[in-house]
C-alpha atoms as a PDB file:
ATOM      1  CA  MET A   1     -19.269 -51.404 -18.701  1.00  0.00           C
ATOM      2  CA  ALA A   2     -21.608 -48.417 -19.300  1.00  0.00           C
ATOM      3  CA  GLY A   3     -24.264 -50.026 -17.137  1.00  0.00           C
ATOM      4  CA  LYS A   4     -21.953 -51.127 -14.272  1.00  0.00           C
ATOM      5  CA  PRO A   5     -22.179 -48.982 -11.003  1.00  0.00           C
ATOM      6  CA  LEU A   6     -19.166 -47.743  -9.604  1.00  0.00           C
ATOM      7  CA  ASP A   7     -17.904 -49.644  -6.478  1.00  0.00           C
ATOM      8  CA  ARG A   8     -17.081 -47.984  -3.175  1.00  0.00           C
ATOM      9  CA  LYS A   9     -13.457 -47.525  -3.608  1.00  0.00           C
ATOM     10  CA  THR A  10     -14.132 -45.694  -7.013  1.00  0.00           C
ATOM     11  CA  TRP A  11     -16.722 -43.365  -5.453  1.00  0.00           C
ATOM     12  CA  ILE A  12     -14.179 -42.438  -2.618  1.00  0.00           C
ATOM     13  CA  ALA A  13     -11.363 -41.929  -4.839  1.00  0.00           C
ATOM     14  CA  LEU A  14     -13.648 -39.695  -7.219  1.00  0.00           C
ATOM     15  CA  ILE A  15     -14.778 -37.709  -4.133  1.00  0.00           C
ATOM     16  CA  VAL A  16     -11.270 -37.131  -2.799  1.00  0.00           C
ATOM     17  CA  SER A  17     -10.197 -36.093  -6.202  1.00  0.00           C
ATOM     18  CA  LEU A  18     -12.999 -33.512  -6.707  1.00  0.00           C
ATOM     19  CA  LEU A  19     -12.329 -32.206  -3.128  1.00  0.00           C
ATOM     20  CA  SER A  20      -8.549 -31.872  -3.947  1.00  0.00           C
ATOM     21  CA  LEU A  21      -9.397 -30.242  -7.133  1.00  0.00           C
ATOM     22  CA  LEU A  22     -11.816 -27.857  -5.428  1.00  0.00           C
ATOM     23  CA  ALA A  23      -9.256 -27.003  -2.637  1.00  0.00           C
ATOM     24  CA  GLY A  24      -6.514 -26.361  -5.255  1.00  0.00           C
ATOM     25  CA  ILE A  25      -8.826 -24.042  -7.171  1.00  0.00           C
ATOM     26  CA  ALA A  26      -9.530 -22.211  -3.886  1.00  0.00           C
ATOM     27  CA  LEU A  27      -6.060 -21.982  -2.889  1.00  0.00           C
ATOM     28  CA  PHE A  28      -4.859 -20.572  -6.394  1.00  0.00           C
ATOM     29  CA  GLN A  29      -7.735 -18.132  -6.261  1.00  0.00           C
ATOM     30  CA  PHE A  30      -6.639 -16.778  -2.776  1.00  0.00           C
ATOM     31  CA  SER A  31      -3.024 -16.728  -3.492  1.00  0.00           C
ATOM     32  CA  SER A  32      -3.833 -15.354  -7.048  1.00  0.00           C
ATOM     33  CA  SER A  33      -5.585 -12.357  -5.775  1.00  0.00           C
ATOM     34  CA  ARG A  34      -3.207 -11.432  -2.989  1.00  0.00           C
ATOM     35  CA  PHE A  35      -0.229 -11.632  -5.662  1.00  0.00           C
ATOM     36  CA  ASN A  36      -2.425  -9.716  -8.156  1.00  0.00           C
ATOM     37  CA  GLN A  37      -3.353  -6.881  -5.608  1.00  0.00           C
ATOM     38  CA  ALA A  38       0.340  -6.216  -5.042  1.00  0.00           C
ATOM     39  CA  ASP A  39       1.238  -6.167  -8.539  1.00  0.00           C
ATOM     40  CA  ILE A  40      -1.617  -3.535  -9.214  1.00  0.00           C
ATOM     41  CA  LYS A  41      -0.673  -1.353  -6.524  1.00  0.00           C
ATOM     42  CA  SER A  42       2.920  -1.368  -7.786  1.00  0.00           C
ATOM     43  CA  VAL A  43       1.994  -0.598 -11.365  1.00  0.00           C
ATOM     44  CA  GLN A  44      -1.312   1.130 -11.819  1.00  0.00           C
ATOM     45  CA  PRO A  45      -2.413   4.410 -10.400  1.00  0.00           C
ATOM     46  CA  LEU A  46      -5.103   4.674  -8.155  1.00  0.00           C
ATOM     47  CA  PRO A  47      -7.343   7.654  -7.119  1.00  0.00           C
ATOM     48  CA  VAL A  48      -5.688  10.320  -5.024  1.00  0.00           C
ATOM     49  CA  GLN A  49      -6.599   9.897  -1.467  1.00  0.00           C
ATOM     50  CA  SER A  50      -6.280  12.147   1.561  1.00  0.00           C
ATOM     51  CA  GLU A  51      -2.351  11.364   1.822  1.00  0.00           C
ATOM     52  CA  THR A  52      -1.603  13.636  -0.641  1.00  0.00           C
ATOM     53  CA  PRO A  53       0.796  16.286   0.847  1.00  0.00           C
ATOM     54  CA  ALA A  54      -0.247  20.093   0.289  1.00  0.00           C
ATOM     55  CA  SER A  55       3.177  20.810  -1.199  1.00  0.00           C
ATOM     56  CA  LEU A  56       5.440  19.008  -3.564  1.00  0.00           C
ATOM     57  CA  MET A  57       8.294  19.459  -1.234  1.00  0.00           C
ATOM     58  CA  ALA A  58       6.546  17.765   1.478  1.00  0.00           C
ATOM     59  CA  ILE A  59       6.408  14.410  -0.532  1.00  0.00           C
ATOM     60  CA  PRO A  60       7.538  11.540   2.031  1.00  0.00           C
ATOM     61  CA  LEU A  61      10.463   9.495   0.766  1.00  0.00           C
ATOM     62  CA  ILE A  62      11.421   6.380   2.824  1.00  0.00           C
ATOM     63  CA  ASP A  63      14.775   5.030   2.047  1.00  0.00           C
ATOM     64  CA  LEU A  64      15.980   1.276   2.047  1.00  0.00           C
ATOM     65  CA  LYS A  65      16.822   1.450   5.723  1.00  0.00           C
ATOM     66  CA  GLY A  66      13.354   2.657   6.610  1.00  0.00           C
ATOM     67  CA  VAL A  67      14.425   6.393   7.354  1.00  0.00           C
ATOM     68  CA  SER A  68      12.095   8.973   6.156  1.00  0.00           C
ATOM     69  CA  GLN A  69      12.751  12.358   4.689  1.00  0.00           C
ATOM     70  CA  THR A  70      10.873  14.511   2.182  1.00  0.00           C
ATOM     71  CA  LEU A  71      11.516  15.763  -1.342  1.00  0.00           C
ATOM     72  CA  GLY A  72      12.271  19.241   0.034  1.00  0.00           C
ATOM     73  CA  ASP A  73      15.346  17.943   1.755  1.00  0.00           C
ATOM     74  CA  TRP A  74      17.225  17.921  -1.671  1.00  0.00           C
ATOM     75  CA  LYS A  75      18.682  21.308  -2.311  1.00  0.00           C
ATOM     76  CA  GLN A  76      19.901  20.647  -5.861  1.00  0.00           C
ATOM     77  CA  PRO A  77      18.331  23.176  -8.348  1.00  0.00           C
ATOM     78  CA  VAL A  78      16.814  20.416 -10.625  1.00  0.00           C
ATOM     79  CA  LEU A  79      15.388  16.935  -9.250  1.00  0.00           C
ATOM     80  CA  VAL A  80      15.067  14.056 -11.789  1.00  0.00           C
ATOM     81  CA  ILE A  81      12.404  11.642 -10.260  1.00  0.00           C
ATOM     82  CA  ASN A  82      12.393   8.196 -11.948  1.00  0.00           C
ATOM     83  CA  PHE A  83       9.819   5.437 -11.247  1.00  0.00           C
ATOM     84  CA  TRP A  84      11.713   2.165 -11.789  1.00  0.00           C
ATOM     85  CA  ALA A  85      11.704  -1.448 -10.631  1.00  0.00           C
ATOM     86  CA  PRO A  86      14.337  -4.232 -10.884  1.00  0.00           C
ATOM     87  CA  TRP A  87      12.126  -6.599 -12.806  1.00  0.00           C
ATOM     88  CA  CYS A  88      11.161  -3.808 -15.413  1.00  0.00           C
ATOM     89  CA  VAL A  89      13.409  -4.419 -18.460  1.00  0.00           C
ATOM     90  CA  PRO A  90      12.979  -0.965 -19.951  1.00  0.00           C
ATOM     91  CA  CYS A  91      14.066   0.414 -16.432  1.00  0.00           C
ATOM     92  CA  ARG A  92      17.201  -1.943 -16.666  1.00  0.00           C
ATOM     93  CA  ARG A  93      18.274  -0.166 -19.885  1.00  0.00           C
ATOM     94  CA  GLU A  94      17.594   3.381 -18.750  1.00  0.00           C
ATOM     95  CA  VAL A  95      19.530   3.142 -15.492  1.00  0.00           C
ATOM     96  CA  PRO A  96      22.852   3.565 -16.880  1.00  0.00           C
ATOM     97  CA  ASP A  97      21.704   6.877 -18.720  1.00  0.00           C
ATOM     98  CA  LEU A  98      20.576   8.000 -15.181  1.00  0.00           C
ATOM     99  CA  ILE A  99      23.729   7.134 -13.587  1.00  0.00           C
ATOM    100  CA  ALA A 100      25.643   8.904 -16.509  1.00  0.00           C
ATOM    101  CA  LEU A 101      23.367  11.930 -16.031  1.00  0.00           C
ATOM    102  CA  GLN A 102      23.772  12.176 -12.408  1.00  0.00           C
ATOM    103  CA  ARG A 103      27.654  11.907 -12.832  1.00  0.00           C
ATOM    104  CA  GLU A 104      27.754  14.687 -15.576  1.00  0.00           C
ATOM    105  CA  TYR A 105      25.669  17.217 -13.712  1.00  0.00           C
ATOM    106  CA  ASP A 106      26.916  16.140 -10.221  1.00  0.00           C
ATOM    107  CA  GLU A 107      25.537  18.789  -7.680  1.00  0.00           C
ATOM    108  CA  ARG A 108      23.365  20.874 -10.024  1.00  0.00           C
ATOM    109  CA  ILE A 109      20.996  18.052 -10.210  1.00  0.00           C
ATOM    110  CA  GLN A 110      19.718  15.136  -8.117  1.00  0.00           C
ATOM    111  CA  VAL A 111      18.350  12.125  -9.538  1.00  0.00           C
ATOM    112  CA  ILE A 112      15.975  10.253  -7.310  1.00  0.00           C
ATOM    113  CA  GLY A 113      14.451   6.773  -7.834  1.00  0.00           C
ATOM    114  CA  LEU A 114      11.224   5.747  -6.635  1.00  0.00           C
ATOM    115  CA  ALA A 115      11.542   1.823  -6.739  1.00  0.00           C
ATOM    116  CA  PHE A 116       8.855  -0.748  -6.666  1.00  0.00           C
ATOM    117  CA  ASP A 117      10.201  -4.246  -5.335  1.00  0.00           C
ATOM    118  CA  SER A 118      11.463  -5.533  -1.992  1.00  0.00           C
ATOM    119  CA  VAL A 119      14.440  -3.810  -0.281  1.00  0.00           C
ATOM    120  CA  GLU A 120      16.596  -6.839  -1.011  1.00  0.00           C
ATOM    121  CA  ASN A 121      15.917  -6.741  -4.732  1.00  0.00           C
ATOM    122  CA  ILE A 122      16.484  -2.905  -4.944  1.00  0.00           C
ATOM    123  CA  GLU A 123      19.716  -3.163  -2.975  1.00  0.00           C
ATOM    124  CA  SER A 124      20.998  -6.037  -5.015  1.00  0.00           C
ATOM    125  CA  PHE A 125      20.138  -4.192  -8.499  1.00  0.00           C
ATOM    126  CA  ALA A 126      21.776  -0.990  -7.062  1.00  0.00           C
ATOM    127  CA  GLU A 127      24.917  -2.684  -6.216  1.00  0.00           C
ATOM    128  CA  GLU A 128      25.039  -4.405  -9.414  1.00  0.00           C
ATOM    129  CA  TYR A 129      24.698  -1.329 -11.603  1.00  0.00           C
ATOM    130  CA  GLN A 130      26.824   0.724  -9.135  1.00  0.00           C
ATOM    131  CA  MET A 131      23.872   3.388  -9.001  1.00  0.00           C
ATOM    132  CA  ASN A 132      25.139   6.805  -7.825  1.00  0.00           C
ATOM    133  CA  TYR A 133      21.921   7.995  -6.864  1.00  0.00           C
ATOM    134  CA  PRO A 134      19.409   7.097  -4.054  1.00  0.00           C
ATOM    135  CA  SER A 135      16.309   4.748  -4.548  1.00  0.00           C
ATOM    136  CA  TYR A 136      13.396   5.065  -2.125  1.00  0.00           C
ATOM    137  CA  LEU A 137      10.568   2.671  -1.669  1.00  0.00           C
ATOM    138  CA  ALA A 138       7.556   3.542  -3.757  1.00  0.00           C
ATOM    139  CA  ASN A 139       5.138   0.676  -2.907  1.00  0.00           C
ATOM    140  CA  GLN A 140       3.676   2.113   0.248  1.00  0.00           C
ATOM    141  CA  HIS A 141       2.895   5.533  -1.527  1.00  0.00           C
ATOM    142  CA  ILE A 142       2.103   4.692  -5.163  1.00  0.00           C
ATOM    143  CA  GLN A 143      -1.174   6.177  -5.190  1.00  0.00           C
ATOM    144  CA  MET A 144       0.437   9.458  -3.957  1.00  0.00           C
ATOM    145  CA  TYR A 145       3.253   9.281  -6.192  1.00  0.00           C
ATOM    146  CA  SER A 146       1.548   8.718  -9.333  1.00  0.00           C
ATOM    147  CA  ALA A 147      -1.115  11.621  -8.763  1.00  0.00           C
ATOM    148  CA  VAL A 148       1.493  13.980  -7.472  1.00  0.00           C
ATOM    149  CA  PHE A 149       4.161  13.145 -10.237  1.00  0.00           C
ATOM    150  CA  GLN A 150       1.550  13.053 -13.036  1.00  0.00           C
ATOM    151  CA  ASN A 151       2.220   9.323 -13.763  1.00  0.00           C
ATOM    152  CA  LYS A 152      -1.403   8.875 -15.073  1.00  0.00           C
ATOM    153  CA  SER A 153      -0.672   5.617 -16.742  1.00  0.00           C
ATOM    154  CA  GLY A 154       1.034   4.045 -13.900  1.00  0.00           C
ATOM    155  CA  ALA A 155       3.870   2.792 -16.258  1.00  0.00           C
ATOM    156  CA  LEU A 156       7.492   1.938 -15.663  1.00  0.00           C
ATOM    157  CA  PRO A 157       9.765   3.653 -16.398  1.00  0.00           C
ATOM    158  CA  PHE A 158       8.503   7.167 -15.903  1.00  0.00           C
ATOM    159  CA  THR A 159      10.427  10.270 -15.149  1.00  0.00           C
ATOM    160  CA  ALA A 160       9.495  13.866 -13.876  1.00  0.00           C
ATOM    161  CA  ILE A 161      11.867  16.772 -13.930  1.00  0.00           C
ATOM    162  CA  ILE A 162      11.434  19.404 -11.231  1.00  0.00           C
ATOM    163  CA  ASP A 163      12.939  22.910 -11.619  1.00  0.00           C
ATOM    164  CA  ARG A 164      14.424  25.401  -9.106  1.00  0.00           C
ATOM    165  CA  ASN A 165      11.022  26.601  -8.236  1.00  0.00           C
ATOM    166  CA  ARG A 166       9.972  23.238  -7.380  1.00  0.00           C
ATOM    167  CA  LYS A 167       7.603  22.926 -10.138  1.00  0.00           C
ATOM    168  CA  ILE A 168       7.088  19.715 -12.421  1.00  0.00           C
ATOM    169  CA  GLU A 169       8.475  21.113 -15.832  1.00  0.00           C
ATOM    170  CA  TYR A 170       8.681  17.744 -17.628  1.00  0.00           C
ATOM    171  CA  THR A 171       7.420  14.260 -17.458  1.00  0.00           C
ATOM    172  CA  HIS A 172       7.922  11.264 -19.679  1.00  0.00           C
ATOM    173  CA  THR A 173       6.411   7.948 -19.790  1.00  0.00           C
ATOM    174  CA  GLY A 174       8.552   5.120 -20.955  1.00  0.00           C
ATOM    175  CA  ILE A 175      12.391   4.688 -21.379  1.00  0.00           C
ATOM    176  CA  ILE A 176      14.122   7.966 -21.758  1.00  0.00           C
ATOM    177  CA  SER A 177      17.520   8.624 -23.349  1.00  0.00           C
ATOM    178  CA  LEU A 178      20.557  10.353 -22.080  1.00  0.00           C
ATOM    179  CA  GLN A 179      20.247  12.840 -24.719  1.00  0.00           C
ATOM    180  CA  ALA A 180      16.730  13.670 -23.940  1.00  0.00           C
ATOM    181  CA  LEU A 181      17.586  13.931 -20.274  1.00  0.00           C
ATOM    182  CA  ARG A 182      20.436  16.398 -21.028  1.00  0.00           C
ATOM    183  CA  GLN A 183      18.066  18.529 -23.077  1.00  0.00           C
ATOM    184  CA  GLN A 184      15.429  18.965 -20.506  1.00  0.00           C
ATOM    185  CA  VAL A 185      17.865  19.388 -17.618  1.00  0.00           C
ATOM    186  CA  SER A 186      20.046  21.902 -19.537  1.00  0.00           C
ATOM    187  CA  LYS A 187      16.845  23.969 -20.064  1.00  0.00           C
ATOM    188  CA  LEU A 188      16.302  24.361 -16.354  1.00  0.00           C
ATOM    189  CA  LEU A 189      19.918  25.048 -15.000  1.00  0.00           C
END
């Protein structure tokens, strides 16, 4: 059997199999590179580009309906900016504390979510958790947001607290407790 040459059908089957394997690898590489590029943009910080606004209050925010506003449109003395995503397990654990913080401090603060995912997933999550603060689409401006809010690691969740003088007074990478949020916010009110 070792010395017997392959017949024509076997050669054709072998060539078709090899071509199918190569096509599968190429398709996988193409789809993987597109998928990973989207993930990298939503998780890792990239160098600041010229889109960075001159003022923190000029930061653009795009809501889930596509309406644009700026961070300066919020008039509350303290702003709590939270980077999150529906698929992020620590974010899911942190959201109830952010909801409680917004409820407790009401008009004296504003929690603002910068969400990384599709509109549908963000809306579904917000409804499920009954979020009482707005979330804005962050995918498009991740480079700028990470640079401006000092999220150097690109980690989720990430929280930045802005004081009444519109300066970032506190940042925290990873899940943050309600107690820590209260402590930081109380210092600024």
